[in-house]
């Protein structure tokens, strides 16, 4: 568990952030990730954009989920992750109240399954799939990595399909939008089977937990992630880290989080490739 001066980290890693030029990338937009015959195949919210390094082979892929409290937001492609040499799949998913939080998770699992099954046709390595997202997106990836039922519905085991999980300021307790569905106020915490904390286990994928400054974060988010980290360690998880970025609040912490994620993904890829 480390506390980092976010500005120093960003400056140190600035050379990583030469933004990829369009001619260096292959972009496919508005891809339906639900399988043929699925009743949600044509839902405009069940779409992703995929940006891959042009002419490359064997690259890792980050499946990225936007924030917005599970009630707002649009799919996005963080340029800082592209600059790391990775493909990025920016996922859109149905939102509350049009769908329950379980529907958001079902969409997220379907999107990950599409990437796992199709990324090789774009030149990517299907064994180097990383799940990441900010805020609500961090909650989604934590649930997919820890609670096996969501990816199991897509015929996948997260322990085999996912190289690592990287939540940026994600909720570790039950998401406040799910609590609202149950009639609970936003400030009342709950840890039930819709909370990542409920599913801590030793054999989950490697995890990098990222948080803004504990004094600036949203509603005790740093403390949630600290407890999440501790309980994963107590459960015997061998590879979970927590980084806090001083001076960054909930909204802008990805500016410091992206360089850390790039370094982490590169390190994980080296370990996986060397272990083959």
C-alpha atoms as a PDB file:
ATOM      1  CA  UNK A   1       0.000   0.000   0.000  1.00  0.00           C
ATOM      2  CA  UNK A   2       1.612   3.241  -1.135  1.00  0.00           C
ATOM      3  CA  UNK A   3       0.822   6.933  -0.951  1.00  0.00           C
ATOM      4  CA  UNK A   4       2.195   8.800  -3.947  1.00  0.00           C
ATOM      5  CA  UNK A   5       2.605  12.445  -4.810  1.00  0.00           C
ATOM      6  CA  UNK A   6       0.492  12.387  -7.946  1.00  0.00           C
ATOM      7  CA  UNK A   7       2.102  15.379  -9.645  1.00  0.00           C
ATOM      8  CA  UNK A   8       5.566  13.843  -9.241  1.00  0.00           C
ATOM      9  CA  UNK A   9       4.408  10.527 -10.658  1.00  0.00           C
ATOM     10  CA  UNK A  10       2.774  12.184 -13.655  1.00  0.00           C
ATOM     11  CA  UNK A  11       5.897  14.224 -14.387  1.00  0.00           C
ATOM     12  CA  UNK A  12       8.165  11.220 -14.041  1.00  0.00           C
ATOM     13  CA  UNK A  13       6.123   9.232 -16.536  1.00  0.00           C
ATOM     14  CA  UNK A  14       5.346  12.071 -18.918  1.00  0.00           C
ATOM     15  CA  UNK A  15       7.346  10.488 -21.778  1.00  0.00           C
ATOM     16  CA  UNK A  16       4.752   7.704 -21.898  1.00  0.00           C
ATOM     17  CA  UNK A  17       2.074  10.184 -22.856  1.00  0.00           C
ATOM     18  CA  UNK A  18       2.824  10.995 -26.447  1.00  0.00           C
ATOM     19  CA  UNK A  19      -0.714  10.708 -27.784  1.00  0.00           C
ATOM     20  CA  UNK A  20      -1.036   8.105 -30.532  1.00  0.00           C
ATOM     21  CA  UNK A  21      -1.663   9.610 -33.945  1.00  0.00           C
ATOM     22  CA  UNK A  22      -4.697   8.379 -35.928  1.00  0.00           C
ATOM     23  CA  UNK A  23      -2.502   6.702 -38.563  1.00  0.00           C
ATOM     24  CA  UNK A  24      -0.873   4.653 -35.804  1.00  0.00           C
ATOM     25  CA  UNK A  25      -4.184   3.198 -34.668  1.00  0.00           C
ATOM     26  CA  UNK A  26      -6.931   1.051 -36.086  1.00  0.00           C
ATOM     27  CA  UNK A  27     -10.338   2.183 -34.851  1.00  0.00           C
ATOM     28  CA  UNK A  28     -13.621   0.283 -34.983  1.00  0.00           C
ATOM     29  CA  UNK A  29     -16.635   2.143 -33.624  1.00  0.00           C
ATOM     30  CA  UNK A  30     -20.096   1.234 -32.402  1.00  0.00           C
ATOM     31  CA  UNK A  31     -19.506  -2.517 -32.193  1.00  0.00           C
ATOM     32  CA  UNK A  32     -22.483  -4.511 -30.815  1.00  0.00           C
ATOM     33  CA  UNK A  33     -21.050  -6.789 -28.148  1.00  0.00           C
ATOM     34  CA  UNK A  34     -24.155  -8.848 -27.491  1.00  0.00           C
ATOM     35  CA  UNK A  35     -24.153 -12.119 -29.429  1.00  0.00           C
ATOM     36  CA  UNK A  36     -26.442 -12.767 -32.396  1.00  0.00           C
ATOM     37  CA  UNK A  37     -29.870 -13.836 -31.174  1.00  0.00           C
ATOM     38  CA  UNK A  38     -29.532 -11.925 -27.910  1.00  0.00           C
ATOM     39  CA  UNK A  39     -32.599  -9.718 -27.337  1.00  0.00           C
ATOM     40  CA  UNK A  40     -30.218  -6.821 -26.512  1.00  0.00           C
ATOM     41  CA  UNK A  41     -28.110  -7.222 -29.650  1.00  0.00           C
ATOM     42  CA  UNK A  42     -29.592  -4.075 -31.204  1.00  0.00           C
ATOM     43  CA  UNK A  43     -29.729  -1.988 -28.032  1.00  0.00           C
ATOM     44  CA  UNK A  44     -27.760   1.208 -28.802  1.00  0.00           C
ATOM     45  CA  UNK A  45     -26.317   1.196 -25.276  1.00  0.00           C
ATOM     46  CA  UNK A  46     -24.743  -2.246 -25.711  1.00  0.00           C
ATOM     47  CA  UNK A  47     -21.890  -0.991 -27.858  1.00  0.00           C
ATOM     48  CA  UNK A  48     -18.132  -0.534 -27.630  1.00  0.00           C
ATOM     49  CA  UNK A  49     -15.417   1.298 -29.522  1.00  0.00           C
ATOM     50  CA  UNK A  50     -12.132  -0.530 -30.092  1.00  0.00           C
ATOM     51  CA  UNK A  51      -8.824   1.192 -30.840  1.00  0.00           C
ATOM     52  CA  UNK A  52      -5.812  -1.028 -31.595  1.00  0.00           C
ATOM     53  CA  UNK A  53      -2.167  -0.354 -32.466  1.00  0.00           C
ATOM     54  CA  UNK A  54      -1.970  -0.488 -36.266  1.00  0.00           C
ATOM     55  CA  UNK A  55       0.235  -3.212 -37.706  1.00  0.00           C
ATOM     56  CA  UNK A  56       1.052  -4.692 -34.281  1.00  0.00           C
ATOM     57  CA  UNK A  57       0.585  -8.252 -33.049  1.00  0.00           C
ATOM     58  CA  UNK A  58       0.253  -9.748 -29.593  1.00  0.00           C
ATOM     59  CA  UNK A  59      -0.620  -6.503 -27.829  1.00  0.00           C
ATOM     60  CA  UNK A  60      -2.500  -6.337 -24.497  1.00  0.00           C
ATOM     61  CA  UNK A  61      -6.018  -4.928 -24.356  1.00  0.00           C
ATOM     62  CA  UNK A  62      -7.629  -2.768 -21.689  1.00  0.00           C
ATOM     63  CA  UNK A  63     -11.407  -3.077 -21.443  1.00  0.00           C
ATOM     64  CA  UNK A  64     -12.366   0.333 -20.078  1.00  0.00           C
ATOM     65  CA  UNK A  65     -15.631   1.194 -18.288  1.00  0.00           C
ATOM     66  CA  UNK A  66     -16.685   4.811 -17.797  1.00  0.00           C
ATOM     67  CA  UNK A  67     -17.909   6.358 -14.563  1.00  0.00           C
ATOM     68  CA  UNK A  68     -21.125   8.224 -13.867  1.00  0.00           C
ATOM     69  CA  UNK A  69     -22.722   6.519 -10.886  1.00  0.00           C
ATOM     70  CA  UNK A  70     -24.285   3.806 -13.109  1.00  0.00           C
ATOM     71  CA  UNK A  71     -26.832   6.469 -14.074  1.00  0.00           C
ATOM     72  CA  UNK A  72     -24.846   8.506 -16.621  1.00  0.00           C
ATOM     73  CA  UNK A  73     -21.715   8.715 -18.736  1.00  0.00           C
ATOM     74  CA  UNK A  74     -20.697   7.550 -22.198  1.00  0.00           C
ATOM     75  CA  UNK A  75     -18.086   5.161 -23.509  1.00  0.00           C
ATOM     76  CA  UNK A  76     -14.612   6.651 -23.778  1.00  0.00           C
ATOM     77  CA  UNK A  77     -11.082   5.750 -24.840  1.00  0.00           C
ATOM     78  CA  UNK A  78      -8.400   7.139 -22.478  1.00  0.00           C
ATOM     79  CA  UNK A  79      -5.618   8.368 -24.753  1.00  0.00           C
ATOM     80  CA  UNK A  80      -3.053   7.814 -22.001  1.00  0.00           C
ATOM     81  CA  UNK A  81      -3.698   4.063 -22.144  1.00  0.00           C
ATOM     82  CA  UNK A  82      -3.428   4.041 -25.937  1.00  0.00           C
ATOM     83  CA  UNK A  83      -0.066   5.764 -25.595  1.00  0.00           C
ATOM     84  CA  UNK A  84       1.105   2.800 -23.540  1.00  0.00           C
ATOM     85  CA  UNK A  85       0.905   0.651 -26.676  1.00  0.00           C
ATOM     86  CA  UNK A  86      -2.269  -1.150 -25.675  1.00  0.00           C
ATOM     87  CA  UNK A  87      -5.559  -1.650 -27.438  1.00  0.00           C
ATOM     88  CA  UNK A  88      -8.462  -0.060 -25.556  1.00  0.00           C
ATOM     89  CA  UNK A  89     -12.091  -1.127 -25.749  1.00  0.00           C
ATOM     90  CA  UNK A  90     -14.316   1.670 -24.445  1.00  0.00           C
ATOM     91  CA  UNK A  91     -17.578   0.114 -23.290  1.00  0.00           C
ATOM     92  CA  UNK A  92     -21.042   1.606 -23.059  1.00  0.00           C
ATOM     93  CA  UNK A  93     -23.652  -0.150 -20.949  1.00  0.00           C
ATOM     94  CA  UNK A  94     -27.290   0.312 -19.989  1.00  0.00           C
ATOM     95  CA  UNK A  95     -27.885   2.688 -17.105  1.00  0.00           C
ATOM     96  CA  UNK A  96     -30.114   2.902 -14.058  1.00  0.00           C
ATOM     97  CA  UNK A  97     -33.056   3.456 -13.750  1.00  0.00           C
ATOM     98  CA  UNK A  98     -33.702   2.015 -17.223  1.00  0.00           C
ATOM     99  CA  UNK A  99     -32.028  -1.183 -16.031  1.00  0.00           C
ATOM    100  CA  UNK A 100     -31.174  -2.434 -12.526  1.00  0.00           C
ATOM    101  CA  UNK A 101     -27.541  -2.533 -11.453  1.00  0.00           C
ATOM    102  CA  UNK A 102     -27.563  -6.245 -12.268  1.00  0.00           C
ATOM    103  CA  UNK A 103     -28.260  -5.250 -15.876  1.00  0.00           C
ATOM    104  CA  UNK A 104     -25.187  -3.005 -15.891  1.00  0.00           C
ATOM    105  CA  UNK A 105     -23.102  -5.964 -14.737  1.00  0.00           C
ATOM    106  CA  UNK A 106     -24.617  -8.275 -17.332  1.00  0.00           C
ATOM    107  CA  UNK A 107     -23.710  -5.792 -20.063  1.00  0.00           C
ATOM    108  CA  UNK A 108     -20.181  -5.395 -18.700  1.00  0.00           C
ATOM    109  CA  UNK A 109     -19.675  -9.168 -18.699  1.00  0.00           C
ATOM    110  CA  UNK A 110     -20.977  -9.452 -22.265  1.00  0.00           C
ATOM    111  CA  UNK A 111     -18.548  -6.738 -23.397  1.00  0.00           C
ATOM    112  CA  UNK A 112     -15.575  -8.485 -21.780  1.00  0.00           C
ATOM    113  CA  UNK A 113     -16.621 -11.776 -23.384  1.00  0.00           C
ATOM    114  CA  UNK A 114     -16.734 -10.113 -26.818  1.00  0.00           C
ATOM    115  CA  UNK A 115     -13.197  -8.774 -26.375  1.00  0.00           C
ATOM    116  CA  UNK A 116     -11.855 -12.128 -25.157  1.00  0.00           C
ATOM    117  CA  UNK A 117     -13.384 -13.931 -28.137  1.00  0.00           C
ATOM    118  CA  UNK A 118     -12.587 -11.418 -30.860  1.00  0.00           C
ATOM    119  CA  UNK A 119      -9.405  -9.535 -29.976  1.00  0.00           C
ATOM    120  CA  UNK A 120      -7.146 -12.086 -31.692  1.00  0.00           C
ATOM    121  CA  UNK A 121      -8.747 -11.211 -35.034  1.00  0.00           C
ATOM    122  CA  UNK A 122      -7.484  -7.642 -34.520  1.00  0.00           C
ATOM    123  CA  UNK A 123      -3.966  -8.803 -33.603  1.00  0.00           C
ATOM    124  CA  UNK A 124      -4.331  -8.749 -29.811  1.00  0.00           C
ATOM    125  CA  UNK A 125      -3.325 -11.430 -27.334  1.00  0.00           C
ATOM    126  CA  UNK A 126      -6.456 -12.936 -25.715  1.00  0.00           C
ATOM    127  CA  UNK A 127      -4.389 -13.891 -22.679  1.00  0.00           C
ATOM    128  CA  UNK A 128      -3.552 -10.245 -21.984  1.00  0.00           C
ATOM    129  CA  UNK A 129      -6.973  -8.793 -21.180  1.00  0.00           C
ATOM    130  CA  UNK A 130      -7.039  -6.150 -18.447  1.00  0.00           C
ATOM    131  CA  UNK A 131     -10.228  -4.776 -16.898  1.00  0.00           C
ATOM    132  CA  UNK A 132     -10.172  -1.144 -15.783  1.00  0.00           C
ATOM    133  CA  UNK A 133     -12.591   1.677 -15.117  1.00  0.00           C
ATOM    134  CA  UNK A 134     -13.156   4.825 -13.114  1.00  0.00           C
ATOM    135  CA  UNK A 135     -15.674   5.192 -10.251  1.00  0.00           C
ATOM    136  CA  UNK A 136     -18.783   3.252 -11.324  1.00  0.00           C
ATOM    137  CA  UNK A 137     -16.552   1.588 -13.908  1.00  0.00           C
ATOM    138  CA  UNK A 138     -14.189   0.591 -11.109  1.00  0.00           C
ATOM    139  CA  UNK A 139     -17.093  -1.007  -9.281  1.00  0.00           C
ATOM    140  CA  UNK A 140     -18.069  -2.972 -12.391  1.00  0.00           C
ATOM    141  CA  UNK A 141     -14.587  -4.368 -13.014  1.00  0.00           C
ATOM    142  CA  UNK A 142     -14.137  -5.301  -9.348  1.00  0.00           C
ATOM    143  CA  UNK A 143     -17.402  -7.234  -9.426  1.00  0.00           C
ATOM    144  CA  UNK A 144     -16.493  -8.999 -12.672  1.00  0.00           C
ATOM    145  CA  UNK A 145     -13.101 -10.003 -11.329  1.00  0.00           C
ATOM    146  CA  UNK A 146     -14.281 -11.252  -7.942  1.00  0.00           C
ATOM    147  CA  UNK A 147     -17.870 -12.484  -8.352  1.00  0.00           C
ATOM    148  CA  UNK A 148     -17.618 -15.310 -10.867  1.00  0.00           C
ATOM    149  CA  UNK A 149     -21.328 -15.506 -11.712  1.00  0.00           C
ATOM    150  CA  UNK A 150     -21.265 -12.568 -14.143  1.00  0.00           C
ATOM    151  CA  UNK A 151     -18.591 -13.889 -16.494  1.00  0.00           C
ATOM    152  CA  UNK A 152     -19.719 -17.470 -15.907  1.00  0.00           C
ATOM    153  CA  UNK A 153     -22.970 -16.514 -17.642  1.00  0.00           C
ATOM    154  CA  UNK A 154     -20.780 -15.785 -20.684  1.00  0.00           C
ATOM    155  CA  UNK A 155     -18.913 -19.082 -20.397  1.00  0.00           C
ATOM    156  CA  UNK A 156     -15.800 -17.498 -18.903  1.00  0.00           C
ATOM    157  CA  UNK A 157     -13.860 -17.824 -15.655  1.00  0.00           C
ATOM    158  CA  UNK A 158     -12.328 -14.465 -14.631  1.00  0.00           C
ATOM    159  CA  UNK A 159      -9.372 -16.243 -13.044  1.00  0.00           C
ATOM    160  CA  UNK A 160      -8.372 -17.521 -16.497  1.00  0.00           C
ATOM    161  CA  UNK A 161      -9.789 -14.869 -18.825  1.00  0.00           C
ATOM    162  CA  UNK A 162      -8.538 -11.745 -17.031  1.00  0.00           C
ATOM    163  CA  UNK A 163      -4.865 -10.809 -16.629  1.00  0.00           C
ATOM    164  CA  UNK A 164      -5.591  -8.202 -13.919  1.00  0.00           C
ATOM    165  CA  UNK A 165      -8.271  -5.867 -12.592  1.00  0.00           C
ATOM    166  CA  UNK A 166      -7.570  -2.128 -12.126  1.00  0.00           C
ATOM    167  CA  UNK A 167     -10.386  -0.158 -10.456  1.00  0.00           C
ATOM    168  CA  UNK A 168      -9.882   3.621 -10.275  1.00  0.00           C
ATOM    169  CA  UNK A 169     -11.720   4.952  -7.194  1.00  0.00           C
ATOM    170  CA  UNK A 170     -14.167   2.081  -7.348  1.00  0.00           C
ATOM    171  CA  UNK A 171     -16.716   1.260  -4.677  1.00  0.00           C
ATOM    172  CA  UNK A 172     -15.850  -1.797  -2.636  1.00  0.00           C
ATOM    173  CA  UNK A 173     -19.139  -1.848  -0.723  1.00  0.00           C
ATOM    174  CA  UNK A 174     -22.478  -2.211  -2.488  1.00  0.00           C
ATOM    175  CA  UNK A 175     -22.778   0.589  -5.044  1.00  0.00           C
ATOM    176  CA  UNK A 176     -24.917   3.536  -3.914  1.00  0.00           C
ATOM    177  CA  UNK A 177     -27.173   3.128  -6.966  1.00  0.00           C
ATOM    178  CA  UNK A 178     -27.893  -0.437  -5.908  1.00  0.00           C
ATOM    179  CA  UNK A 179     -28.572   0.826  -2.384  1.00  0.00           C
ATOM    180  CA  UNK A 180     -31.025   3.328  -3.856  1.00  0.00           C
ATOM    181  CA  UNK A 181     -32.799   0.418  -5.554  1.00  0.00           C
ATOM    182  CA  UNK A 182     -33.237  -1.064  -2.085  1.00  0.00           C
ATOM    183  CA  UNK A 183     -34.540   2.234  -0.665  1.00  0.00           C
ATOM    184  CA  UNK A 184     -31.367   2.985   1.277  1.00  0.00           C
ATOM    185  CA  UNK A 185     -29.774   6.458   1.567  1.00  0.00           C
ATOM    186  CA  UNK A 186     -26.447   7.059  -0.202  1.00  0.00           C
ATOM    187  CA  UNK A 187     -24.562   7.454   3.078  1.00  0.00           C
ATOM    188  CA  UNK A 188     -25.667   4.132   4.551  1.00  0.00           C
ATOM    189  CA  UNK A 189     -23.125   1.426   3.671  1.00  0.00           C
ATOM    190  CA  UNK A 190     -24.050  -2.124   2.782  1.00  0.00           C
ATOM    191  CA  UNK A 191     -21.954  -5.187   2.030  1.00  0.00           C
ATOM    192  CA  UNK A 192     -24.154  -7.807   0.390  1.00  0.00           C
ATOM    193  CA  UNK A 193     -23.639 -10.072  -2.623  1.00  0.00           C
ATOM    194  CA  UNK A 194     -23.567  -6.991  -4.888  1.00  0.00           C
ATOM    195  CA  UNK A 195     -20.453  -5.677  -3.135  1.00  0.00           C
ATOM    196  CA  UNK A 196     -16.916  -6.535  -4.286  1.00  0.00           C
ATOM    197  CA  UNK A 197     -15.972  -6.863  -0.600  1.00  0.00           C
ATOM    198  CA  UNK A 198     -18.454  -9.718  -0.230  1.00  0.00           C
ATOM    199  CA  UNK A 199     -16.502 -11.774  -2.770  1.00  0.00           C
ATOM    200  CA  UNK A 200     -12.893 -11.372  -1.594  1.00  0.00           C
ATOM    201  CA  UNK A 201     -10.958 -14.564  -2.249  1.00  0.00           C
ATOM    202  CA  UNK A 202      -7.360 -15.670  -2.524  1.00  0.00           C
ATOM    203  CA  UNK A 203      -7.572 -16.961  -6.091  1.00  0.00           C
ATOM    204  CA  UNK A 204      -8.977 -13.829  -7.750  1.00  0.00           C
ATOM    205  CA  UNK A 205      -7.033 -12.159 -10.595  1.00  0.00           C
ATOM    206  CA  UNK A 206      -4.229  -9.756  -9.648  1.00  0.00           C
ATOM    207  CA  UNK A 207      -5.562  -6.334  -8.666  1.00  0.00           C
ATOM    208  CA  UNK A 208      -4.255  -2.771  -8.619  1.00  0.00           C
ATOM    209  CA  UNK A 209      -6.504  -0.497  -6.537  1.00  0.00           C
ATOM    210  CA  UNK A 210      -6.152   3.211  -7.300  1.00  0.00           C
ATOM    211  CA  UNK A 211      -7.503   6.063  -5.170  1.00  0.00           C
ATOM    212  CA  UNK A 212      -7.358   9.825  -5.047  1.00  0.00           C
ATOM    213  CA  UNK A 213      -6.238  11.718  -1.946  1.00  0.00           C
ATOM    214  CA  UNK A 214      -8.028  10.414   1.162  1.00  0.00           C
ATOM    215  CA  UNK A 215      -8.963  13.981   2.124  1.00  0.00           C
ATOM    216  CA  UNK A 216     -10.334  14.798  -1.331  1.00  0.00           C
ATOM    217  CA  UNK A 217     -11.965  11.540  -2.420  1.00  0.00           C
ATOM    218  CA  UNK A 218     -15.713  10.983  -2.648  1.00  0.00           C
ATOM    219  CA  UNK A 219     -17.614   9.674   0.414  1.00  0.00           C
ATOM    220  CA  UNK A 220     -14.747   7.791   2.034  1.00  0.00           C
ATOM    221  CA  UNK A 221     -13.716   6.061  -1.186  1.00  0.00           C
ATOM    222  CA  UNK A 222     -10.074   5.773  -0.128  1.00  0.00           C
ATOM    223  CA  UNK A 223     -11.075   4.103   3.139  1.00  0.00           C
ATOM    224  CA  UNK A 224     -13.314   1.670   1.247  1.00  0.00           C
ATOM    225  CA  UNK A 225     -10.378   0.667  -0.905  1.00  0.00           C
ATOM    226  CA  UNK A 226      -8.047   0.389   2.066  1.00  0.00           C
ATOM    227  CA  UNK A 227     -10.422  -2.053   3.742  1.00  0.00           C
ATOM    228  CA  UNK A 228     -10.857  -3.871   0.417  1.00  0.00           C
ATOM    229  CA  UNK A 229      -7.072  -4.219   0.126  1.00  0.00           C
ATOM    230  CA  UNK A 230      -6.748  -5.430   3.702  1.00  0.00           C
ATOM    231  CA  UNK A 231      -9.526  -8.028   3.399  1.00  0.00           C
ATOM    232  CA  UNK A 232      -8.057  -9.393   0.159  1.00  0.00           C
ATOM    233  CA  UNK A 233      -4.732  -9.758   1.958  1.00  0.00           C
ATOM    234  CA  UNK A 234      -6.404 -11.468   4.901  1.00  0.00           C
ATOM    235  CA  UNK A 235      -8.137 -13.829   2.476  1.00  0.00           C
ATOM    236  CA  UNK A 236      -4.683 -14.783   1.189  1.00  0.00           C
ATOM    237  CA  UNK A 237      -4.676 -12.913  -2.125  1.00  0.00           C
ATOM    238  CA  UNK A 238      -1.004 -12.833  -3.180  1.00  0.00           C
ATOM    239  CA  UNK A 239      -1.047  -9.929  -5.636  1.00  0.00           C
ATOM    240  CA  UNK A 240      -3.105  -6.877  -4.681  1.00  0.00           C
ATOM    241  CA  UNK A 241      -1.726  -3.339  -4.419  1.00  0.00           C
ATOM    242  CA  UNK A 242      -3.239  -0.021  -3.356  1.00  0.00           C
ATOM    243  CA  UNK A 243      -1.970   3.379  -4.509  1.00  0.00           C
ATOM    244  CA  UNK A 244      -3.181   6.758  -3.260  1.00  0.00           C
ATOM    245  CA  UNK A 245      -2.451   9.938  -5.222  1.00  0.00           C
ATOM    246  CA  UNK A 246      -1.940  13.007  -3.040  1.00  0.00           C
ATOM    247  CA  UNK A 247      -3.592  16.164  -4.286  1.00  0.00           C
ATOM    248  CA  UNK A 248      -6.038  14.429  -6.625  1.00  0.00           C
ATOM    249  CA  UNK A 249      -9.769  14.296  -6.025  1.00  0.00           C
ATOM    250  CA  UNK A 250     -12.309  11.770  -7.226  1.00  0.00           C
ATOM    251  CA  UNK A 251     -12.832  13.418 -10.581  1.00  0.00           C
ATOM    252  CA  UNK A 252      -9.273  14.075 -11.680  1.00  0.00           C
ATOM    253  CA  UNK A 253      -7.439  11.142 -10.112  1.00  0.00           C
ATOM    254  CA  UNK A 254      -7.275   9.251 -13.458  1.00  0.00           C
ATOM    255  CA  UNK A 255      -4.644  11.805 -14.527  1.00  0.00           C
ATOM    256  CA  UNK A 256      -2.325  10.257 -11.951  1.00  0.00           C
ATOM    257  CA  UNK A 257      -3.828   6.781 -12.188  1.00  0.00           C
ATOM    258  CA  UNK A 258      -3.182   6.213 -15.899  1.00  0.00           C
ATOM    259  CA  UNK A 259       0.652   6.328 -15.650  1.00  0.00           C
ATOM    260  CA  UNK A 260       0.554   3.878 -12.750  1.00  0.00           C
ATOM    261  CA  UNK A 261      -1.771   1.598 -14.688  1.00  0.00           C
ATOM    262  CA  UNK A 262       0.490   1.679 -17.757  1.00  0.00           C
ATOM    263  CA  UNK A 263       3.509   0.642 -15.704  1.00  0.00           C
ATOM    264  CA  UNK A 264       1.532  -2.057 -13.921  1.00  0.00           C
ATOM    265  CA  UNK A 265       0.130  -3.519 -17.151  1.00  0.00           C
ATOM    266  CA  UNK A 266       3.573  -3.623 -18.724  1.00  0.00           C
ATOM    267  CA  UNK A 267       4.942  -5.428 -15.697  1.00  0.00           C
ATOM    268  CA  UNK A 268       2.099  -7.950 -15.670  1.00  0.00           C
ATOM    269  CA  UNK A 269       2.556  -8.604 -19.396  1.00  0.00           C
ATOM    270  CA  UNK A 270       6.260  -9.305 -18.881  1.00  0.00           C
ATOM    271  CA  UNK A 271       5.472 -11.812 -16.132  1.00  0.00           C
ATOM    272  CA  UNK A 272       2.821 -13.577 -18.201  1.00  0.00           C
ATOM    273  CA  UNK A 273       4.986 -13.755 -21.325  1.00  0.00           C
ATOM    274  CA  UNK A 274       8.005 -14.978 -19.385  1.00  0.00           C
ATOM    275  CA  UNK A 275       5.864 -17.675 -17.773  1.00  0.00           C
ATOM    276  CA  UNK A 276       4.766 -19.184 -21.069  1.00  0.00           C
END
